[in-house]
């Protein structure tokens, strides 16, 4: 019994030693910094550890370090755009043991030319200058004097309207095809722009909400509306949302390249459909319409359009009123407003009523009152000429006519 207990104690001690040994190894493993494993061409966000004349050293975490050429992070005057402690995004260009070389893009120079195939295989951007326009696209000068071809469809996100505007530009490209040891290189700047758009879109999805006001740029115009890019997301401004007033020709309201403030109407991230309102970012002209156009006041307006039932008169931007056809004939019956007025004509009108809620204003011709008074006087004169005796004063007749009108 004593021997058995002794063996049990010995086994328990051995188990504890194993457990203690495993725990120690686990703790040691956790306490030691791990070497980060990267694939060639992988894009990472790293911190600038140290800057020398020859290299910028990057902290990859743990015991891993890398480096890149300082020229890649210098401006046109040669001044560095980063400091120690800053974060940068770079691609792993090559790995020779613990020697990890990074790049932000394959630049110029003979040394860079040797990395073109690596750039193609690993999706690393290359820098190039648009030299000239050739059949079907552009000739691009890239690393070490090598040249590539960028089709029209791959130079930007939109259709090329002015090819000459690209000449001389220094842009980033992805190599879509690489053959004949670098003598046949097909490039795409659009791939870079699309990647940027995806990154911006991801950030926008986390920050945008319907009803927000954002700034964007008009990218194209159609008869049904205008497309606007808000920096990663492109959507439509329907023609009904271009302005508060009626838009006859959308090209008169907006132009390609114009920067505008718009209100987000709808965000459909799943179907990539986004709609905006330009007029929503403008003051609503109907807010103070009752104060600006009180009943009885007179204003000059412009005939905007004619219909079978009347004429719409623009009083100011976004505010139209209607003169019913029955008020246009000066007492005579007409079949269409065009018989007495024309589009574009300026008219003096009188405000009869304002319905702010439904955005309706009823108008009458401002001269109608005087026309009716003149008609009353003429009727009186004719009546006096026909009557054998006195019919009273002119004032009495007009008062009687006014009383009859009120009863109606």
Protein backbone atom coordinates (compact mmCIF):
# COMPACT_ATOMS: atom_id res chain seq x y z
CA UNK A 1 0.00 0.00 0.00
CA UNK A 2 2.85 2.29 0.92
CA UNK A 3 4.64 1.44 -2.35
CA UNK A 4 1.48 2.10 -4.36
CA UNK A 5 1.04 5.48 -2.72
CA UNK A 6 4.68 6.25 -3.48
CA UNK A 7 4.24 5.44 -7.16
CA UNK A 8 1.10 7.59 -7.32
CA UNK A 9 2.91 10.52 -5.80
CA UNK A 10 5.77 10.04 -8.27
CA UNK A 11 3.36 9.95 -11.24
CA UNK A 12 1.56 13.04 -10.00
CA UNK A 13 4.88 14.85 -9.72
CA UNK A 14 5.83 13.83 -13.28
CA UNK A 15 2.48 15.09 -14.62
CA UNK A 16 2.92 18.39 -12.83
CA UNK A 17 6.41 18.72 -14.27
CA UNK A 18 5.05 18.12 -17.80
CA UNK A 19 2.29 20.63 -17.25
CA UNK A 20 4.72 23.12 -15.81
CA UNK A 21 7.09 22.54 -18.76
CA UNK A 22 4.31 23.06 -21.34
CA UNK A 23 3.08 26.14 -19.55
CA UNK A 24 6.59 27.55 -19.51
CA UNK A 25 7.00 26.93 -23.26
CA UNK A 26 3.64 28.54 -23.97
CA UNK A 27 4.50 31.54 -21.86
CA UNK A 28 7.90 31.79 -23.52
CA UNK A 29 6.31 31.56 -26.96
CA UNK A 30 3.85 34.29 -26.06
CA UNK A 31 6.56 36.52 -24.60
CA UNK A 32 8.78 36.33 -27.69
CA UNK A 33 7.93 38.59 -30.64
CA UNK A 34 6.78 36.64 -33.67
CA UNK A 35 8.15 37.15 -37.14
CA UNK A 36 5.44 38.33 -39.48
CA UNK A 37 5.03 36.16 -42.56
CA UNK A 38 4.35 38.13 -45.73
CA UNK A 39 3.84 37.15 -49.33
CA UNK A 40 5.60 38.89 -52.17
CA UNK A 41 3.37 41.67 -53.50
CA UNK A 42 1.36 41.87 -50.27
CA UNK A 43 0.27 45.37 -49.27
CA UNK A 44 0.81 46.33 -45.63
CA UNK A 45 0.54 49.39 -43.43
CA UNK A 46 3.79 49.85 -41.53
CA UNK A 47 5.52 52.41 -39.33
CA UNK A 48 8.65 54.33 -40.28
CA UNK A 49 11.29 53.16 -37.80
CA UNK A 50 14.38 55.03 -38.94
CA UNK A 51 15.45 57.22 -41.86
CA UNK A 52 18.94 57.28 -43.33
CA UNK A 53 20.35 58.66 -46.58
CA UNK A 54 20.19 55.23 -48.22
CA UNK A 55 17.06 53.65 -46.74
CA UNK A 56 13.85 54.14 -44.85
CA UNK A 57 13.55 51.31 -42.32
CA UNK A 58 10.07 49.98 -41.57
CA UNK A 59 8.79 48.38 -38.38
CA UNK A 60 6.68 45.34 -39.28
CA UNK A 61 6.02 44.34 -35.69
CA UNK A 62 7.92 41.85 -33.61
CA UNK A 63 11.44 41.17 -34.83
CA UNK A 64 10.57 41.91 -38.46
CA UNK A 65 11.89 44.94 -40.26
CA UNK A 66 11.95 46.05 -43.86
CA UNK A 67 13.22 48.95 -45.90
CA UNK A 68 12.44 51.02 -48.99
CA UNK A 69 14.13 53.68 -51.09
CA UNK A 70 13.74 57.22 -49.62
CA UNK A 71 13.17 58.58 -53.14
CA UNK A 72 9.76 56.91 -53.17
CA UNK A 73 8.56 59.14 -50.32
CA UNK A 74 10.10 62.40 -51.49
CA UNK A 75 8.36 65.33 -53.20
CA UNK A 76 9.37 66.95 -56.48
CA UNK A 77 12.06 69.00 -54.70
CA UNK A 78 13.53 65.87 -53.11
CA UNK A 79 12.23 66.58 -49.60
CA UNK A 80 10.95 63.62 -47.60
CA UNK A 81 7.22 63.64 -46.95
CA UNK A 82 7.40 61.33 -43.90
CA UNK A 83 9.08 61.36 -40.49
CA UNK A 84 10.05 58.65 -38.07
CA UNK A 85 6.91 57.30 -36.44
CA UNK A 86 4.65 57.98 -39.44
CA UNK A 87 2.64 55.17 -41.02
CA UNK A 88 2.91 54.31 -44.71
CA UNK A 89 1.42 51.73 -47.06
CA UNK A 90 3.85 49.64 -49.08
CA UNK A 91 4.17 46.40 -51.06
CA UNK A 92 6.65 43.63 -50.33
CA UNK A 93 8.84 43.65 -53.41
CA UNK A 94 11.36 40.95 -52.53
CA UNK A 95 12.50 38.83 -49.59
CA UNK A 96 16.01 37.47 -49.19
CA UNK A 97 16.04 35.78 -45.83
CA UNK A 98 15.41 38.49 -43.27
CA UNK A 99 16.11 41.18 -45.87
CA UNK A 100 12.64 42.49 -46.80
CA UNK A 101 12.52 45.11 -49.51
CA UNK A 102 9.36 47.19 -49.90
CA UNK A 103 8.09 49.68 -52.45
CA UNK A 104 5.17 52.06 -52.75
CA UNK A 105 5.37 51.70 -56.54
CA UNK A 106 7.93 50.73 -59.16
CA UNK A 107 9.49 54.03 -60.17
CA UNK A 108 11.94 55.05 -62.88
CA UNK A 109 15.55 54.01 -63.35
CA UNK A 110 17.36 50.97 -64.71
CA UNK A 111 17.24 49.17 -61.36
CA UNK A 112 13.48 49.38 -61.30
CA UNK A 113 13.21 47.81 -64.75
CA UNK A 114 14.41 44.50 -63.32
CA UNK A 115 11.37 44.45 -61.04
CA UNK A 116 8.73 44.90 -63.75
CA UNK A 117 7.99 41.20 -63.97
CA UNK A 118 7.68 41.01 -60.18
CA UNK A 119 5.29 43.97 -60.34
CA UNK A 120 3.18 42.18 -62.95
CA UNK A 121 3.07 38.89 -61.03
CA UNK A 122 2.29 40.49 -57.68
CA UNK A 123 0.07 43.41 -58.69
CA UNK A 124 2.50 46.09 -57.56
CA UNK A 125 1.87 49.52 -59.14
CA UNK A 126 4.38 50.99 -61.56
CA UNK A 127 4.94 54.66 -62.20
CA UNK A 128 4.92 56.03 -65.71
CA UNK A 129 4.68 59.19 -67.78
CA UNK A 130 2.13 59.50 -70.57
CA UNK A 131 4.36 60.28 -73.58
CA UNK A 132 1.97 60.48 -76.50
CA UNK A 133 -1.30 59.34 -77.99
CA UNK A 134 -1.08 56.38 -80.36
CA UNK A 135 -3.67 54.22 -82.10
CA UNK A 136 -6.13 52.90 -79.53
CA UNK A 137 -4.59 54.59 -76.51
CA UNK A 138 -1.39 56.03 -75.05
CA UNK A 139 2.31 55.24 -75.00
CA UNK A 140 3.64 55.21 -71.43
CA UNK A 141 7.29 55.53 -70.41
CA UNK A 142 7.96 53.33 -67.38
CA UNK A 143 10.96 51.96 -65.48
CA UNK A 144 14.42 52.13 -67.04
CA UNK A 145 13.20 53.58 -70.31
CA UNK A 146 10.81 50.68 -70.91
CA UNK A 147 7.53 51.56 -72.61
CA UNK A 148 4.06 50.22 -72.22
CA UNK A 149 0.66 50.71 -73.80
CA UNK A 150 -2.46 51.93 -71.99
CA UNK A 151 -5.75 51.61 -73.93
CA UNK A 152 -8.18 54.52 -73.88
CA UNK A 153 -10.58 52.47 -71.76
CA UNK A 154 -7.92 51.94 -69.08
CA UNK A 155 -6.65 55.50 -68.62
CA UNK A 156 -9.55 56.61 -66.40
CA UNK A 157 -12.96 55.79 -64.99
CA UNK A 158 -14.82 57.91 -67.51
CA UNK A 159 -14.74 58.00 -71.28
CA UNK A 160 -11.79 59.96 -72.66
CA UNK A 161 -13.08 63.30 -73.92
CA UNK A 162 -9.76 65.16 -74.23
CA UNK A 163 -6.84 62.79 -74.86
CA UNK A 164 -4.38 65.66 -74.97
CA UNK A 165 -5.00 66.48 -71.31
CA UNK A 166 -3.22 63.25 -70.30
CA UNK A 167 0.01 63.94 -72.19
CA UNK A 168 2.88 64.60 -69.79
CA UNK A 169 1.06 63.35 -66.71
CA UNK A 170 2.90 61.06 -64.27
CA UNK A 171 0.49 58.33 -63.19
CA UNK A 172 0.45 54.98 -61.42
CA UNK A 173 -0.44 51.86 -63.40
CA UNK A 174 -0.95 48.17 -62.90
CA UNK A 175 0.57 45.79 -65.45
CA UNK A 176 -2.26 43.73 -66.91
CA UNK A 177 -0.08 41.92 -69.46
CA UNK A 178 3.67 41.29 -69.51
CA UNK A 179 5.39 39.51 -72.38
CA UNK A 180 8.52 39.27 -74.50
CA UNK A 181 10.72 40.05 -71.47
CA UNK A 182 9.16 43.44 -71.01
CA UNK A 183 8.85 44.46 -74.65
CA UNK A 184 5.09 43.92 -74.59
CA UNK A 185 3.59 45.60 -71.52
CA UNK A 186 -0.10 46.51 -71.25
CA UNK A 187 -0.94 48.98 -68.50
CA UNK A 188 -4.07 50.12 -66.66
CA UNK A 189 -4.43 53.33 -64.68
CA UNK A 190 -8.11 52.56 -64.26
CA UNK A 191 -7.26 49.56 -62.05
CA UNK A 192 -5.53 51.94 -59.62
CA UNK A 193 -8.50 54.31 -59.60
CA UNK A 194 -10.94 51.45 -59.03
CA UNK A 195 -8.91 50.21 -56.07
CA UNK A 196 -8.90 53.70 -54.60
CA UNK A 197 -12.65 53.93 -55.17
CA UNK A 198 -13.22 50.65 -53.32
CA UNK A 199 -11.21 51.91 -50.36
CA UNK A 200 -13.04 55.24 -50.33
CA UNK A 201 -16.36 53.46 -50.71
CA UNK A 202 -15.64 51.27 -47.70
CA UNK A 203 -14.82 54.35 -45.63
CA UNK A 204 -17.90 56.20 -46.90
CA UNK A 205 -20.21 53.30 -46.06
CA UNK A 206 -19.21 53.63 -42.43
CA UNK A 207 -19.69 57.40 -42.31
CA UNK A 208 -22.52 58.36 -44.71
CA UNK A 209 -26.24 58.45 -43.95
CA UNK A 210 -29.31 59.46 -45.94
CA UNK A 211 -30.08 63.12 -45.38
CA UNK A 212 -26.42 64.14 -45.10
CA UNK A 213 -25.14 67.02 -47.21
CA UNK A 214 -21.91 66.21 -49.06
CA UNK A 215 -19.75 67.81 -51.73
CA UNK A 216 -19.22 66.21 -55.12
CA UNK A 217 -18.26 66.76 -58.72
CA UNK A 218 -20.54 66.47 -61.76
CA UNK A 219 -19.08 63.67 -63.92
CA UNK A 220 -21.62 63.39 -66.75
CA UNK A 221 -24.96 64.81 -67.85
CA UNK A 222 -27.95 63.04 -69.39
CA UNK A 223 -31.43 64.23 -70.34
CA UNK A 224 -32.85 62.52 -67.25
CA UNK A 225 -30.32 63.91 -64.77
CA UNK A 226 -26.67 64.39 -63.84
CA UNK A 227 -24.19 61.97 -62.30
CA UNK A 228 -22.11 63.19 -59.36
CA UNK A 229 -19.02 61.66 -57.72
CA UNK A 230 -18.72 62.31 -53.99
CA UNK A 231 -15.28 60.69 -53.68
CA UNK A 232 -15.66 56.95 -53.99
CA UNK A 233 -19.38 56.79 -54.73
CA UNK A 234 -21.09 57.96 -57.91
CA UNK A 235 -24.83 58.48 -58.08
CA UNK A 236 -27.61 60.24 -59.96
CA UNK A 237 -29.22 63.61 -59.42
CA UNK A 238 -32.62 63.19 -61.15
CA UNK A 239 -33.62 66.16 -63.26
CA UNK A 240 -36.50 66.80 -60.85
CA UNK A 241 -33.88 67.34 -58.10
CA UNK A 242 -31.64 69.70 -60.05
CA UNK A 243 -33.47 72.90 -59.11
CA UNK A 244 -36.61 74.09 -57.34
CA UNK A 245 -37.95 75.47 -60.59
CA UNK A 246 -38.72 73.63 -63.81
CA UNK A 247 -35.55 72.69 -65.73
CA UNK A 248 -36.02 73.00 -69.48
CA UNK A 249 -32.39 72.27 -70.43
CA UNK A 250 -30.26 70.53 -67.81
CA UNK A 251 -27.07 71.82 -69.45
CA UNK A 252 -28.12 75.34 -68.45
CA UNK A 253 -28.24 74.28 -64.79
CA UNK A 254 -25.06 72.19 -64.34
CA UNK A 255 -21.84 71.39 -66.21
CA UNK A 256 -19.30 68.55 -66.18
CA UNK A 257 -16.53 69.21 -63.65
CA UNK A 258 -18.69 71.55 -61.58
CA UNK A 259 -18.41 71.11 -57.80
CA UNK A 260 -21.77 71.02 -56.04
CA UNK A 261 -23.27 70.40 -52.61
CA UNK A 262 -25.92 67.67 -52.65
CA UNK A 263 -28.20 65.98 -50.14
CA UNK A 264 -28.12 62.18 -50.00
CA UNK A 265 -31.57 60.85 -50.92
CA UNK A 266 -30.89 57.11 -51.11
CA UNK A 267 -27.96 54.78 -50.38
CA UNK A 268 -28.32 51.26 -51.79
CA UNK A 269 -24.93 49.68 -51.10
CA UNK A 270 -26.02 46.21 -52.17
CA UNK A 271 -27.00 47.28 -55.71
CA UNK A 272 -24.57 50.21 -55.94
CA UNK A 273 -27.38 52.69 -56.56
CA UNK A 274 -27.16 56.13 -55.03
CA UNK A 275 -29.33 59.19 -55.58
CA UNK A 276 -28.79 62.80 -54.58
CA UNK A 277 -30.64 66.10 -54.58
CA UNK A 278 -29.03 69.33 -55.69
CA UNK A 279 -32.03 71.48 -54.88
CA UNK A 280 -32.20 69.91 -51.42
CA UNK A 281 -28.96 71.69 -50.55
CA UNK A 282 -30.46 75.02 -51.63
CA UNK A 283 -32.89 77.19 -49.62
CA UNK A 284 -36.53 76.32 -50.35
CA UNK A 285 -38.00 79.39 -52.10
CA UNK A 286 -41.46 78.47 -50.80
CA UNK A 287 -40.46 78.98 -47.16
CA UNK A 288 -41.22 82.71 -47.18
CA UNK A 289 -43.51 82.82 -50.22
CA UNK A 290 -46.53 84.09 -48.24
CA UNK A 291 -44.53 87.07 -46.96
CA UNK A 292 -42.93 87.80 -50.31
CA UNK A 293 -46.11 87.41 -52.37
CA UNK A 294 -49.08 88.41 -50.19
CA UNK A 295 -52.55 88.29 -51.70
CA UNK A 296 -53.35 91.50 -53.56
CA UNK A 297 -49.71 92.40 -54.28
CA UNK A 298 -48.52 92.99 -57.83
CA UNK A 299 -45.37 91.61 -59.45
CA UNK A 300 -43.74 91.21 -62.83
CA UNK A 301 -43.31 87.61 -63.98
CA UNK A 302 -42.23 85.70 -67.05
CA UNK A 303 -44.49 83.30 -68.96
CA UNK A 304 -42.82 79.91 -68.40
CA UNK A 305 -45.22 77.56 -70.19
CA UNK A 306 -48.73 77.37 -71.56
CA UNK A 307 -51.30 74.62 -71.06
CA UNK A 308 -54.89 74.07 -72.15
CA UNK A 309 -56.12 75.35 -68.79
CA UNK A 310 -53.89 78.37 -68.30
CA UNK A 311 -50.44 79.94 -68.18
CA UNK A 312 -47.68 79.35 -65.64
CA UNK A 313 -45.83 82.51 -64.68
CA UNK A 314 -42.38 82.40 -63.02
CA UNK A 315 -42.25 84.98 -60.25
CA UNK A 316 -38.77 83.98 -59.04
CA UNK A 317 -36.49 80.93 -59.12
CA UNK A 318 -38.59 77.92 -58.12
CA UNK A 319 -41.81 79.88 -57.61
CA UNK A 320 -44.46 79.72 -60.34
CA UNK A 321 -48.06 80.84 -60.29
CA UNK A 322 -51.02 80.01 -62.54
CA UNK A 323 -53.34 82.32 -64.44
CA UNK A 324 -56.43 80.32 -65.34
CA UNK A 325 -57.50 80.52 -68.98
CA UNK A 326 -60.79 82.15 -67.93
CA UNK A 327 -58.78 85.16 -66.65
CA UNK A 328 -56.79 85.70 -69.83
CA UNK A 329 -59.36 86.74 -72.41
CA UNK A 330 -60.28 90.13 -70.89
CA UNK A 331 -63.91 89.02 -70.81
CA UNK A 332 -63.74 87.20 -74.13
CA UNK A 333 -63.71 83.42 -74.41
CA UNK A 334 -60.46 81.95 -75.77
CA UNK A 335 -59.58 78.36 -76.65
CA UNK A 336 -55.91 78.45 -75.64
CA UNK A 337 -53.65 80.94 -73.80
CA UNK A 338 -51.39 81.21 -76.86
CA UNK A 339 -54.11 83.35 -78.46
CA UNK A 340 -53.27 86.23 -76.12
CA UNK A 341 -49.79 85.61 -74.60
CA UNK A 342 -46.52 83.85 -75.51
CA UNK A 343 -43.82 81.93 -73.66
CA UNK A 344 -41.02 84.26 -72.55
CA UNK A 345 -43.33 87.28 -72.38
CA UNK A 346 -43.13 89.48 -69.26
CA UNK A 347 -46.45 90.20 -67.58
CA UNK A 348 -47.58 92.25 -64.62
CA UNK A 349 -49.70 90.00 -62.43
CA UNK A 350 -51.69 90.25 -59.22
CA UNK A 351 -51.54 87.61 -56.45
CA UNK A 352 -55.04 86.27 -55.80
CA UNK A 353 -54.21 83.46 -53.33
CA UNK A 354 -51.22 81.51 -51.97
CA UNK A 355 -51.30 77.83 -50.94
CA UNK A 356 -47.85 77.31 -49.36
CA UNK A 357 -48.50 73.71 -48.35
CA UNK A 358 -49.33 72.56 -51.89
CA UNK A 359 -47.00 75.11 -53.52
CA UNK A 360 -49.71 76.81 -55.56
CA UNK A 361 -50.26 80.49 -56.35
CA UNK A 362 -53.32 81.77 -58.20
CA UNK A 363 -52.72 84.82 -60.36
CA UNK A 364 -54.65 87.32 -62.41
CA UNK A 365 -53.50 89.90 -64.91
CA UNK A 366 -52.74 93.09 -63.00
CA UNK A 367 -54.60 95.24 -65.56
CA UNK A 368 -57.80 93.22 -65.23
CA UNK A 369 -59.29 95.50 -62.54
CA UNK A 370 -58.83 98.60 -64.69
CA UNK A 371 -60.25 96.78 -67.71
CA UNK A 372 -63.35 95.86 -65.72
CA UNK A 373 -63.74 99.43 -64.46
CA UNK A 374 -63.46 100.78 -68.01
CA UNK A 375 -66.06 98.24 -69.14
CA UNK A 376 -68.42 99.38 -66.38
CA UNK A 377 -68.06 103.02 -67.45
CA UNK A 378 -68.65 102.12 -71.09
CA UNK A 379 -71.74 100.09 -70.18
CA UNK A 380 -73.10 103.05 -68.21
CA UNK A 381 -72.60 105.46 -71.08
CA UNK A 382 -74.36 103.16 -73.52
CA UNK A 383 -77.21 102.73 -71.06
CA UNK A 384 -77.60 106.49 -70.53
CA UNK A 385 -77.68 107.09 -74.25
CA UNK A 386 -80.49 104.58 -74.64
CA UNK A 387 -82.47 105.57 -71.52
CA UNK A 388 -85.18 108.30 -71.76
CA UNK A 389 -84.65 109.57 -68.23
CA UNK A 390 -81.98 109.87 -65.58
CA UNK A 391 -80.40 106.65 -64.29
CA UNK A 392 -78.61 108.22 -61.34
CA UNK A 393 -74.95 109.11 -60.92
CA UNK A 394 -72.02 107.14 -62.32
CA UNK A 395 -71.02 106.31 -58.75
CA UNK A 396 -74.44 104.78 -58.11
CA UNK A 397 -74.17 102.58 -61.17
CA UNK A 398 -70.68 101.38 -60.32
CA UNK A 399 -71.71 100.72 -56.73
CA UNK A 400 -74.63 98.65 -57.96
CA UNK A 401 -72.39 96.66 -60.33
CA UNK A 402 -69.90 96.02 -57.51
CA UNK A 403 -72.70 94.81 -55.26
CA UNK A 404 -73.84 92.37 -57.96
CA UNK A 405 -70.30 90.99 -58.31
CA UNK A 406 -70.02 90.37 -54.56
CA UNK A 407 -73.30 88.47 -54.55
CA UNK A 408 -71.96 86.22 -57.29
